[in-house]
Amino acid sequence: MDNMQTPESPKFINQDEARIRWLKSLETRDHRRYFKSGFKAHEQSVGAFLRGSFNLFAARPGVGKTAFLFALAYRQVLAGVKAYFCNLEMGVEQMWNRLACLHDESLTLRELNEGEITNDRAQYLMSLSRKLVGFSPLFFEGTEFRSLIAATQAEIKPSSDAALFIDYIGLFTMKGLGPQERYWLISECAKSLKLLARQLDIPILAAVQLNRQLENRKDKSPTLADLRDSGELENHADSVFALTREDRGVLEVDCLKNRHGPLASYSLRFDGPRVAIEEFE
């Protein structure tokens, strides 16, 4: 027992150590300190996603949460970041339909879901699939929250060039908890995801639902109070973005909270046939 080492207790960081750590973080050029979204409109309005940050994207059903979050993940892969995508609404096959439409603008989601696949088309899609391997996030299909945490901790090395995407938080389950403990479940998810972002030193980007009451208001501009299921979501998030789409072809993005920058709004193009989010030219 005398030979057992006790874990080092946390301590306060003195000013000199903090100063040295800060200077080292500024001078390290080969270490990604922030992650650009891939959309110029986002960077110009609110800035990039920082390491250790927990970022929420909220919308009503059908507005484009999945399309926007997946567009962000796709652009991270293009930038050399390893993207991990937990989708609780769709399987990998459906997400690859979207990936194909993002990568090839000539494709439509309906064609891939319903269209007849001729021999020539099959050969083209086979060739495309080989290319898409280099542009695809790694997918997690489970719904149990603690399983996702364990898989993420096992897969992602701290401070690596990686980002975790979750679509969406409200569909998680947790062993031992029933529907009546939904508020506690969402609160625990919010707290744990923020701590996970800090622990792994990566950005986490997650989708959430907005309350239905928003649709009954005269002023339909979303606020932080409209986040569904738990106030802990807004408390633990570093940034919160509300997505709306009054015009079928325009996705409006409003930043409601931003610990690391300004509050602002911007617009992106929603390509309905591809269900893809693009920058306006």
C-alpha atoms as a PDB file:
ATOM      1  CA  MET A   1       0.000   0.000   0.000  1.00  0.00           C
ATOM      2  CA  ASP A   2       2.889   2.365   0.773  1.00  0.00           C
ATOM      3  CA  ASN A   3       4.167   2.007  -2.809  1.00  0.00           C
ATOM      4  CA  MET A   4       0.871   3.044  -4.401  1.00  0.00           C
ATOM      5  CA  GLN A   5       0.974   6.443  -6.049  1.00  0.00           C
ATOM      6  CA  THR A   6      -1.936   8.729  -5.414  1.00  0.00           C
ATOM      7  CA  PRO A   7      -3.168  10.781  -8.378  1.00  0.00           C
ATOM      8  CA  GLU A   8      -1.874  14.318  -8.402  1.00  0.00           C
ATOM      9  CA  SER A   9      -4.440  16.728  -7.020  1.00  0.00           C
ATOM     10  CA  PRO A  10      -5.571  19.623  -9.226  1.00  0.00           C
ATOM     11  CA  LYS A  11      -3.915  22.910  -8.348  1.00  0.00           C
ATOM     12  CA  PHE A  12      -4.143  26.562  -9.228  1.00  0.00           C
ATOM     13  CA  ILE A  13      -1.915  27.675 -12.122  1.00  0.00           C
ATOM     14  CA  ASN A  14       0.370  30.529 -11.142  1.00  0.00           C
ATOM     15  CA  GLN A  15       0.811  33.580 -13.341  1.00  0.00           C
ATOM     16  CA  ASP A  16       4.262  32.707 -14.718  1.00  0.00           C
ATOM     17  CA  GLU A  17       3.196  29.225 -15.808  1.00  0.00           C
ATOM     18  CA  ALA A  18       0.041  30.615 -17.377  1.00  0.00           C
ATOM     19  CA  ARG A  19       2.094  33.229 -19.258  1.00  0.00           C
ATOM     20  CA  ILE A  20       4.474  30.604 -20.662  1.00  0.00           C
ATOM     21  CA  ARG A  21       1.624  28.331 -21.714  1.00  0.00           C
ATOM     22  CA  TRP A  22      -0.112  31.245 -23.455  1.00  0.00           C
ATOM     23  CA  LEU A  23       3.011  32.268 -25.379  1.00  0.00           C
ATOM     24  CA  LYS A  24       3.660  28.668 -26.443  1.00  0.00           C
ATOM     25  CA  SER A  25       0.116  28.374 -27.744  1.00  0.00           C
ATOM     26  CA  LEU A  26       0.593  31.520 -29.847  1.00  0.00           C
ATOM     27  CA  GLU A  27       3.946  30.539 -31.329  1.00  0.00           C
ATOM     28  CA  THR A  28       3.008  26.969 -32.263  1.00  0.00           C
ATOM     29  CA  ARG A  29       2.275  27.188 -35.975  1.00  0.00           C
ATOM     30  CA  ASP A  30       1.942  23.490 -36.726  1.00  0.00           C
ATOM     31  CA  HIS A  31      -0.868  23.023 -34.212  1.00  0.00           C
ATOM     32  CA  ARG A  32      -4.424  23.888 -35.267  1.00  0.00           C
ATOM     33  CA  ARG A  33      -5.863  26.217 -32.611  1.00  0.00           C
ATOM     34  CA  TYR A  34      -9.147  26.848 -34.370  1.00  0.00           C
ATOM     35  CA  PHE A  35     -11.237  25.195 -37.073  1.00  0.00           C
ATOM     36  CA  LYS A  36     -12.752  27.227 -39.903  1.00  0.00           C
ATOM     37  CA  SER A  37     -16.286  26.245 -40.833  1.00  0.00           C
ATOM     38  CA  GLY A  38     -15.577  26.240 -44.570  1.00  0.00           C
ATOM     39  CA  PHE A  39     -18.142  29.008 -45.105  1.00  0.00           C
ATOM     40  CA  LYS A  40     -16.681  32.505 -45.547  1.00  0.00           C
ATOM     41  CA  ALA A  41     -19.966  34.018 -44.355  1.00  0.00           C
ATOM     42  CA  HIS A  42     -19.568  32.218 -41.018  1.00  0.00           C
ATOM     43  CA  GLU A  43     -15.962  33.287 -40.434  1.00  0.00           C
ATOM     44  CA  GLN A  44     -16.651  36.896 -41.388  1.00  0.00           C
ATOM     45  CA  SER A  45     -19.676  37.065 -39.086  1.00  0.00           C
ATOM     46  CA  VAL A  46     -18.766  35.127 -35.934  1.00  0.00           C
ATOM     47  CA  GLY A  47     -15.312  33.574 -36.359  1.00  0.00           C
ATOM     48  CA  ALA A  48     -14.051  29.993 -36.332  1.00  0.00           C
ATOM     49  CA  PHE A  49     -14.700  27.107 -33.930  1.00  0.00           C
ATOM     50  CA  LEU A  50     -12.117  26.924 -31.151  1.00  0.00           C
ATOM     51  CA  ARG A  51     -10.574  23.857 -29.565  1.00  0.00           C
ATOM     52  CA  GLY A  52     -12.488  22.665 -26.518  1.00  0.00           C
ATOM     53  CA  SER A  53     -15.681  24.433 -27.581  1.00  0.00           C
ATOM     54  CA  PHE A  54     -19.210  23.014 -27.485  1.00  0.00           C
ATOM     55  CA  ASN A  55     -21.376  24.502 -30.245  1.00  0.00           C
ATOM     56  CA  LEU A  56     -25.127  24.087 -30.756  1.00  0.00           C
ATOM     57  CA  PHE A  57     -27.224  24.456 -33.913  1.00  0.00           C
ATOM     58  CA  ALA A  58     -30.945  24.685 -33.214  1.00  0.00           C
ATOM     59  CA  ALA A  59     -33.905  24.529 -35.598  1.00  0.00           C
ATOM     60  CA  ARG A  60     -37.422  23.230 -36.033  1.00  0.00           C
ATOM     61  CA  PRO A  61     -37.847  19.923 -37.938  1.00  0.00           C
ATOM     62  CA  GLY A  62     -37.353  20.129 -41.693  1.00  0.00           C
ATOM     63  CA  VAL A  63     -35.399  23.389 -41.692  1.00  0.00           C
ATOM     64  CA  GLY A  64     -31.998  21.871 -42.451  1.00  0.00           C
ATOM     65  CA  LYS A  65     -30.145  20.926 -39.240  1.00  0.00           C
ATOM     66  CA  THR A  66     -28.746  17.729 -40.709  1.00  0.00           C
ATOM     67  CA  ALA A  67     -27.882  19.351 -44.037  1.00  0.00           C
ATOM     68  CA  PHE A  68     -26.024  22.195 -42.332  1.00  0.00           C
ATOM     69  CA  LEU A  69     -24.181  20.037 -39.810  1.00  0.00           C
ATOM     70  CA  PHE A  70     -23.173  17.566 -42.516  1.00  0.00           C
ATOM     71  CA  ALA A  71     -21.985  20.388 -44.780  1.00  0.00           C
ATOM     72  CA  LEU A  72     -19.764  21.572 -41.909  1.00  0.00           C
ATOM     73  CA  ALA A  73     -18.395  18.042 -41.408  1.00  0.00           C
ATOM     74  CA  TYR A  74     -17.710  17.638 -45.139  1.00  0.00           C
ATOM     75  CA  ARG A  75     -15.789  20.907 -45.196  1.00  0.00           C
ATOM     76  CA  GLN A  76     -13.731  19.838 -42.182  1.00  0.00           C
ATOM     77  CA  VAL A  77     -12.635  16.719 -44.060  1.00  0.00           C
ATOM     78  CA  LEU A  78     -11.689  18.882 -47.061  1.00  0.00           C
ATOM     79  CA  ALA A  79      -9.545  20.987 -44.699  1.00  0.00           C
ATOM     80  CA  GLY A  80      -7.668  17.931 -43.433  1.00  0.00           C
ATOM     81  CA  VAL A  81      -9.608  17.510 -40.181  1.00  0.00           C
ATOM     82  CA  LYS A  82     -10.798  14.042 -39.173  1.00  0.00           C
ATOM     83  CA  ALA A  83     -14.569  14.344 -38.767  1.00  0.00           C
ATOM     84  CA  TYR A  84     -16.610  11.998 -36.577  1.00  0.00           C
ATOM     85  CA  PHE A  85     -20.369  12.077 -37.180  1.00  0.00           C
ATOM     86  CA  CYS A  86     -23.003  10.618 -34.856  1.00  0.00           C
ATOM     87  CA  ASN A  87     -26.347  10.567 -36.659  1.00  0.00           C
ATOM     88  CA  LEU A  88     -29.293   9.323 -34.651  1.00  0.00           C
ATOM     89  CA  GLU A  89     -31.883   9.878 -37.399  1.00  0.00           C
ATOM     90  CA  MET A  90     -30.332   8.172 -40.440  1.00  0.00           C
ATOM     91  CA  GLY A  91     -28.150   5.218 -41.281  1.00  0.00           C
ATOM     92  CA  VAL A  92     -24.764   5.389 -42.978  1.00  0.00           C
ATOM     93  CA  GLU A  93     -26.310   4.523 -46.360  1.00  0.00           C
ATOM     94  CA  GLN A  94     -28.598   7.580 -46.248  1.00  0.00           C
ATOM     95  CA  MET A  95     -25.756   9.811 -45.120  1.00  0.00           C
ATOM     96  CA  TRP A  96     -23.635   8.597 -48.033  1.00  0.00           C
ATOM     97  CA  ASN A  97     -26.468   9.626 -50.379  1.00  0.00           C
ATOM     98  CA  ARG A  98     -26.040  13.124 -48.980  1.00  0.00           C
ATOM     99  CA  LEU A  99     -22.268  12.876 -49.198  1.00  0.00           C
ATOM    100  CA  ALA A 100     -22.529  11.988 -52.885  1.00  0.00           C
ATOM    101  CA  CYS A 101     -24.788  14.994 -53.520  1.00  0.00           C
ATOM    102  CA  LEU A 102     -22.395  17.308 -51.692  1.00  0.00           C
ATOM    103  CA  HIS A 103     -19.440  16.052 -53.690  1.00  0.00           C
ATOM    104  CA  ASP A 104     -21.152  15.824 -57.094  1.00  0.00           C
ATOM    105  CA  GLU A 105     -23.502  18.716 -57.873  1.00  0.00           C
ATOM    106  CA  SER A 106     -25.048  16.811 -60.777  1.00  0.00           C
ATOM    107  CA  LEU A 107     -26.664  14.324 -58.386  1.00  0.00           C
ATOM    108  CA  THR A 108     -29.958  14.775 -56.557  1.00  0.00           C
ATOM    109  CA  LEU A 109     -31.121  13.036 -53.404  1.00  0.00           C
ATOM    110  CA  ARG A 110     -34.317  11.847 -55.051  1.00  0.00           C
ATOM    111  CA  GLU A 111     -32.366  10.249 -57.909  1.00  0.00           C
ATOM    112  CA  LEU A 112     -30.235   8.284 -55.457  1.00  0.00           C
ATOM    113  CA  ASN A 113     -33.251   7.267 -53.357  1.00  0.00           C
ATOM    114  CA  GLU A 114     -35.717   6.439 -56.131  1.00  0.00           C
ATOM    115  CA  GLY A 115     -34.034   6.598 -59.546  1.00  0.00           C
ATOM    116  CA  GLU A 116     -33.369   3.599 -61.747  1.00  0.00           C
ATOM    117  CA  ILE A 117     -29.729   2.536 -61.646  1.00  0.00           C
ATOM    118  CA  THR A 118     -28.628   1.551 -65.161  1.00  0.00           C
ATOM    119  CA  ASN A 119     -25.417  -0.345 -65.819  1.00  0.00           C
ATOM    120  CA  ASP A 120     -23.635   2.861 -66.847  1.00  0.00           C
ATOM    121  CA  ARG A 121     -24.942   4.669 -63.770  1.00  0.00           C
ATOM    122  CA  ALA A 122     -23.895   1.790 -61.535  1.00  0.00           C
ATOM    123  CA  GLN A 123     -20.355   1.926 -62.901  1.00  0.00           C
ATOM    124  CA  TYR A 124     -20.225   5.686 -62.340  1.00  0.00           C
ATOM    125  CA  LEU A 125     -21.470   5.356 -58.744  1.00  0.00           C
ATOM    126  CA  MET A 126     -18.962   2.579 -58.101  1.00  0.00           C
ATOM    127  CA  SER A 127     -16.162   4.885 -59.263  1.00  0.00           C
ATOM    128  CA  LEU A 128     -17.586   7.769 -57.227  1.00  0.00           C
ATOM    129  CA  SER A 129     -17.773   5.606 -54.088  1.00  0.00           C
ATOM    130  CA  ARG A 130     -14.007   5.035 -54.216  1.00  0.00           C
ATOM    131  CA  LYS A 131     -13.435   8.794 -54.280  1.00  0.00           C
ATOM    132  CA  LEU A 132     -15.932   9.443 -51.486  1.00  0.00           C
ATOM    133  CA  VAL A 133     -13.954   7.262 -49.075  1.00  0.00           C
ATOM    134  CA  GLY A 134     -11.472  10.135 -48.833  1.00  0.00           C
ATOM    135  CA  PHE A 135     -14.202  12.705 -48.149  1.00  0.00           C
ATOM    136  CA  SER A 136     -16.411  10.860 -45.685  1.00  0.00           C
ATOM    137  CA  PRO A 137     -16.590  11.396 -41.923  1.00  0.00           C
ATOM    138  CA  LEU A 138     -16.436   8.349 -39.662  1.00  0.00           C
ATOM    139  CA  PHE A 139     -19.980   7.472 -38.595  1.00  0.00           C
ATOM    140  CA  PHE A 140     -21.371   6.299 -35.250  1.00  0.00           C
ATOM    141  CA  GLU A 141     -24.868   4.770 -35.406  1.00  0.00           C
ATOM    142  CA  GLY A 142     -25.659   3.945 -31.764  1.00  0.00           C
ATOM    143  CA  THR A 143     -28.131   5.940 -29.660  1.00  0.00           C
ATOM    144  CA  GLU A 144     -26.844   5.181 -26.145  1.00  0.00           C
ATOM    145  CA  PHE A 145     -25.063   8.313 -24.943  1.00  0.00           C
ATOM    146  CA  ARG A 146     -22.402   6.724 -22.753  1.00  0.00           C
ATOM    147  CA  SER A 147     -21.455   4.404 -25.623  1.00  0.00           C
ATOM    148  CA  LEU A 148     -20.753   7.433 -27.794  1.00  0.00           C
ATOM    149  CA  ILE A 149     -18.604   8.994 -25.064  1.00  0.00           C
ATOM    150  CA  ALA A 150     -16.607   5.777 -24.652  1.00  0.00           C
ATOM    151  CA  ALA A 151     -16.141   5.319 -28.411  1.00  0.00           C
ATOM    152  CA  THR A 152     -15.060   8.951 -28.825  1.00  0.00           C
ATOM    153  CA  GLN A 153     -12.529   8.760 -25.999  1.00  0.00           C
ATOM    154  CA  ALA A 154     -11.115   5.536 -27.463  1.00  0.00           C
ATOM    155  CA  GLU A 155     -10.924   6.866 -31.022  1.00  0.00           C
ATOM    156  CA  ILE A 156      -9.851  10.530 -30.755  1.00  0.00           C
ATOM    157  CA  LYS A 157      -6.467  11.486 -29.356  1.00  0.00           C
ATOM    158  CA  PRO A 158      -6.462  14.679 -27.243  1.00  0.00           C
ATOM    159  CA  SER A 159      -5.501  17.823 -29.183  1.00  0.00           C
ATOM    160  CA  SER A 160      -5.597  16.001 -32.522  1.00  0.00           C
ATOM    161  CA  ASP A 161      -7.050  17.606 -35.642  1.00  0.00           C
ATOM    162  CA  ALA A 162     -10.499  16.143 -35.145  1.00  0.00           C
ATOM    163  CA  ALA A 163     -14.067  17.343 -34.680  1.00  0.00           C
ATOM    164  CA  LEU A 164     -17.182  15.559 -33.412  1.00  0.00           C
ATOM    165  CA  PHE A 165     -20.639  16.207 -34.921  1.00  0.00           C
ATOM    166  CA  ILE A 166     -23.899  15.056 -33.296  1.00  0.00           C
ATOM    167  CA  ASP A 167     -27.324  15.051 -34.978  1.00  0.00           C
ATOM    168  CA  TYR A 168     -29.188  15.448 -32.721  1.00  0.00           C
ATOM    169  CA  ILE A 169     -28.942  15.513 -28.907  1.00  0.00           C
ATOM    170  CA  GLY A 170     -32.652  14.980 -28.243  1.00  0.00           C
ATOM    171  CA  LEU A 171     -32.572  11.413 -29.605  1.00  0.00           C
ATOM    172  CA  PHE A 172     -30.007  10.030 -27.163  1.00  0.00           C
ATOM    173  CA  THR A 173     -30.927   7.317 -24.694  1.00  0.00           C
ATOM    174  CA  MET A 174     -29.200   6.494 -21.414  1.00  0.00           C
ATOM    175  CA  LYS A 175     -29.370   3.181 -19.596  1.00  0.00           C
ATOM    176  CA  GLY A 176     -31.479   3.407 -16.463  1.00  0.00           C
ATOM    177  CA  LEU A 177     -33.399   6.491 -17.575  1.00  0.00           C
ATOM    178  CA  GLY A 178     -36.933   6.533 -18.922  1.00  0.00           C
ATOM    179  CA  PRO A 179     -38.930   9.185 -20.826  1.00  0.00           C
ATOM    180  CA  GLN A 180     -39.944  10.860 -17.551  1.00  0.00           C
ATOM    181  CA  GLU A 181     -36.294  11.747 -16.868  1.00  0.00           C
ATOM    182  CA  ARG A 182     -35.811  13.432 -20.236  1.00  0.00           C
ATOM    183  CA  TYR A 183     -34.854  16.810 -18.733  1.00  0.00           C
ATOM    184  CA  TRP A 184     -32.127  15.201 -16.629  1.00  0.00           C
ATOM    185  CA  LEU A 185     -30.899  13.151 -19.626  1.00  0.00           C
ATOM    186  CA  ILE A 186     -30.510  16.216 -21.874  1.00  0.00           C
ATOM    187  CA  SER A 187     -28.880  18.169 -19.048  1.00  0.00           C
ATOM    188  CA  GLU A 188     -26.378  15.362 -18.491  1.00  0.00           C
ATOM    189  CA  CYS A 189     -25.656  15.174 -22.230  1.00  0.00           C
ATOM    190  CA  ALA A 190     -24.990  18.920 -22.402  1.00  0.00           C
ATOM    191  CA  LYS A 191     -22.634  18.878 -19.418  1.00  0.00           C
ATOM    192  CA  SER A 192     -20.795  15.745 -20.534  1.00  0.00           C
ATOM    193  CA  LEU A 193     -20.295  16.988 -24.095  1.00  0.00           C
ATOM    194  CA  LYS A 194     -18.819  20.249 -22.873  1.00  0.00           C
ATOM    195  CA  LEU A 195     -16.437  18.351 -20.571  1.00  0.00           C
ATOM    196  CA  LEU A 196     -15.566  15.968 -23.428  1.00  0.00           C
ATOM    197  CA  ALA A 197     -14.704  18.903 -25.693  1.00  0.00           C
ATOM    198  CA  ARG A 198     -12.391  20.259 -23.000  1.00  0.00           C
ATOM    199  CA  GLN A 199     -10.858  16.869 -22.244  1.00  0.00           C
ATOM    200  CA  LEU A 200     -10.082  16.024 -25.876  1.00  0.00           C
ATOM    201  CA  ASP A 201      -9.361  19.652 -26.826  1.00  0.00           C
ATOM    202  CA  ILE A 202     -11.523  19.444 -29.949  1.00  0.00           C
ATOM    203  CA  PRO A 203     -14.638  21.290 -31.125  1.00  0.00           C
ATOM    204  CA  ILE A 204     -17.957  19.486 -30.728  1.00  0.00           C
ATOM    205  CA  LEU A 205     -20.842  20.622 -32.928  1.00  0.00           C
ATOM    206  CA  ALA A 206     -24.315  19.320 -32.112  1.00  0.00           C
ATOM    207  CA  ALA A 207     -27.852  19.867 -33.364  1.00  0.00           C
ATOM    208  CA  VAL A 208     -30.847  20.427 -31.065  1.00  0.00           C
ATOM    209  CA  GLN A 209     -34.533  21.125 -31.539  1.00  0.00           C
ATOM    210  CA  LEU A 210     -36.324  24.434 -31.045  1.00  0.00           C
ATOM    211  CA  ASN A 211     -39.603  24.483 -29.124  1.00  0.00           C
ATOM    212  CA  ARG A 212     -42.852  24.178 -31.072  1.00  0.00           C
ATOM    213  CA  GLN A 213     -44.267  27.239 -29.280  1.00  0.00           C
ATOM    214  CA  LEU A 214     -42.009  29.340 -31.497  1.00  0.00           C
ATOM    215  CA  GLU A 215     -44.341  28.700 -34.445  1.00  0.00           C
ATOM    216  CA  ASN A 216     -47.319  30.181 -32.564  1.00  0.00           C
ATOM    217  CA  ARG A 217     -45.623  33.494 -31.771  1.00  0.00           C
ATOM    218  CA  LYS A 218     -46.116  36.610 -33.843  1.00  0.00           C
ATOM    219  CA  ASP A 219     -42.377  37.235 -33.686  1.00  0.00           C
ATOM    220  CA  LYS A 220     -40.840  33.950 -34.815  1.00  0.00           C
ATOM    221  CA  SER A 221     -37.242  35.035 -34.224  1.00  0.00           C
ATOM    222  CA  PRO A 222     -35.676  32.273 -32.060  1.00  0.00           C
ATOM    223  CA  THR A 223     -34.149  33.052 -28.670  1.00  0.00           C
ATOM    224  CA  LEU A 224     -32.040  30.992 -26.255  1.00  0.00           C
ATOM    225  CA  ALA A 225     -35.210  30.279 -24.254  1.00  0.00           C
ATOM    226  CA  ASP A 226     -36.571  28.379 -27.283  1.00  0.00           C
ATOM    227  CA  LEU A 227     -34.048  25.534 -26.958  1.00  0.00           C
ATOM    228  CA  ARG A 228     -36.038  22.381 -26.342  1.00  0.00           C
ATOM    229  CA  ASP A 229     -35.871  20.031 -23.339  1.00  0.00           C
ATOM    230  CA  SER A 230     -33.329  21.698 -21.028  1.00  0.00           C
ATOM    231  CA  GLY A 231     -31.948  25.099 -20.095  1.00  0.00           C
ATOM    232  CA  GLU A 232     -28.629  23.371 -19.452  1.00  0.00           C
ATOM    233  CA  LEU A 233     -28.052  23.313 -23.207  1.00  0.00           C
ATOM    234  CA  GLU A 234     -27.588  27.073 -23.406  1.00  0.00           C
ATOM    235  CA  ASN A 235     -25.648  27.142 -20.124  1.00  0.00           C
ATOM    236  CA  HIS A 236     -22.937  24.711 -21.252  1.00  0.00           C
ATOM    237  CA  ALA A 237     -22.699  25.754 -24.907  1.00  0.00           C
ATOM    238  CA  ASP A 238     -19.934  28.102 -26.021  1.00  0.00           C
ATOM    239  CA  SER A 239     -22.001  29.154 -29.013  1.00  0.00           C
ATOM    240  CA  VAL A 240     -25.620  28.717 -30.057  1.00  0.00           C
ATOM    241  CA  PHE A 241     -26.872  29.196 -33.622  1.00  0.00           C
ATOM    242  CA  ALA A 242     -30.535  29.252 -34.660  1.00  0.00           C
ATOM    243  CA  LEU A 243     -31.383  28.067 -38.167  1.00  0.00           C
ATOM    244  CA  THR A 244     -34.510  29.281 -39.966  1.00  0.00           C
ATOM    245  CA  ARG A 245     -35.703  29.049 -43.571  1.00  0.00           C
ATOM    246  CA  GLU A 246     -38.581  31.324 -44.554  1.00  0.00           C
ATOM    247  CA  ASP A 247     -37.391  31.302 -48.176  1.00  0.00           C
ATOM    248  CA  ARG A 248     -37.015  27.754 -49.529  1.00  0.00           C
ATOM    249  CA  GLY A 249     -33.629  28.557 -51.009  1.00  0.00           C
ATOM    250  CA  VAL A 250     -32.148  30.561 -48.137  1.00  0.00           C
ATOM    251  CA  LEU A 251     -30.951  29.255 -44.775  1.00  0.00           C
ATOM    252  CA  GLU A 252     -30.698  32.039 -42.194  1.00  0.00           C
ATOM    253  CA  VAL A 253     -28.151  31.508 -39.412  1.00  0.00           C
ATOM    254  CA  ASP A 254     -28.480  33.668 -36.291  1.00  0.00           C
ATOM    255  CA  CYS A 255     -25.818  33.502 -33.569  1.00  0.00           C
ATOM    256  CA  LEU A 256     -27.653  33.760 -30.221  1.00  0.00           C
ATOM    257  CA  LYS A 257     -24.639  33.121 -27.989  1.00  0.00           C
ATOM    258  CA  ASN A 258     -20.905  33.357 -28.613  1.00  0.00           C
ATOM    259  CA  ARG A 259     -18.375  33.178 -25.797  1.00  0.00           C
ATOM    260  CA  HIS A 260     -15.478  33.800 -28.154  1.00  0.00           C
ATOM    261  CA  GLY A 261     -16.770  36.441 -30.527  1.00  0.00           C
ATOM    262  CA  PRO A 262     -19.631  38.681 -31.659  1.00  0.00           C
ATOM    263  CA  LEU A 263     -23.310  37.940 -32.172  1.00  0.00           C
ATOM    264  CA  ALA A 264     -24.227  38.185 -35.838  1.00  0.00           C
ATOM    265  CA  SER A 265     -26.365  36.726 -38.612  1.00  0.00           C
ATOM    266  CA  TYR A 266     -25.621  35.461 -42.098  1.00  0.00           C
ATOM    267  CA  SER A 267     -27.286  33.562 -44.944  1.00  0.00           C
ATOM    268  CA  LEU A 268     -26.393  30.444 -46.926  1.00  0.00           C
ATOM    269  CA  ARG A 269     -27.943  28.857 -50.010  1.00  0.00           C
ATOM    270  CA  PHE A 270     -30.175  25.801 -49.497  1.00  0.00           C
ATOM    271  CA  ASP A 271     -30.100  23.540 -52.538  1.00  0.00           C
ATOM    272  CA  GLY A 272     -33.359  21.604 -52.187  1.00  0.00           C
ATOM    273  CA  PRO A 273     -32.854  18.838 -54.795  1.00  0.00           C
ATOM    274  CA  ARG A 274     -29.459  17.979 -53.303  1.00  0.00           C
ATOM    275  CA  VAL A 275     -30.482  18.853 -49.719  1.00  0.00           C
ATOM    276  CA  ALA A 276     -27.131  20.623 -49.525  1.00  0.00           C
ATOM    277  CA  ILE A 277     -25.966  23.879 -47.975  1.00  0.00           C
ATOM    278  CA  GLU A 278     -23.699  26.057 -50.105  1.00  0.00           C
ATOM    279  CA  GLU A 279     -22.194  29.521 -50.009  1.00  0.00           C
ATOM    280  CA  PHE A 280     -23.843  32.231 -52.106  1.00  0.00           C
ATOM    281  CA  GLU A 281     -21.595  33.163 -55.023  1.00  0.00           C
END
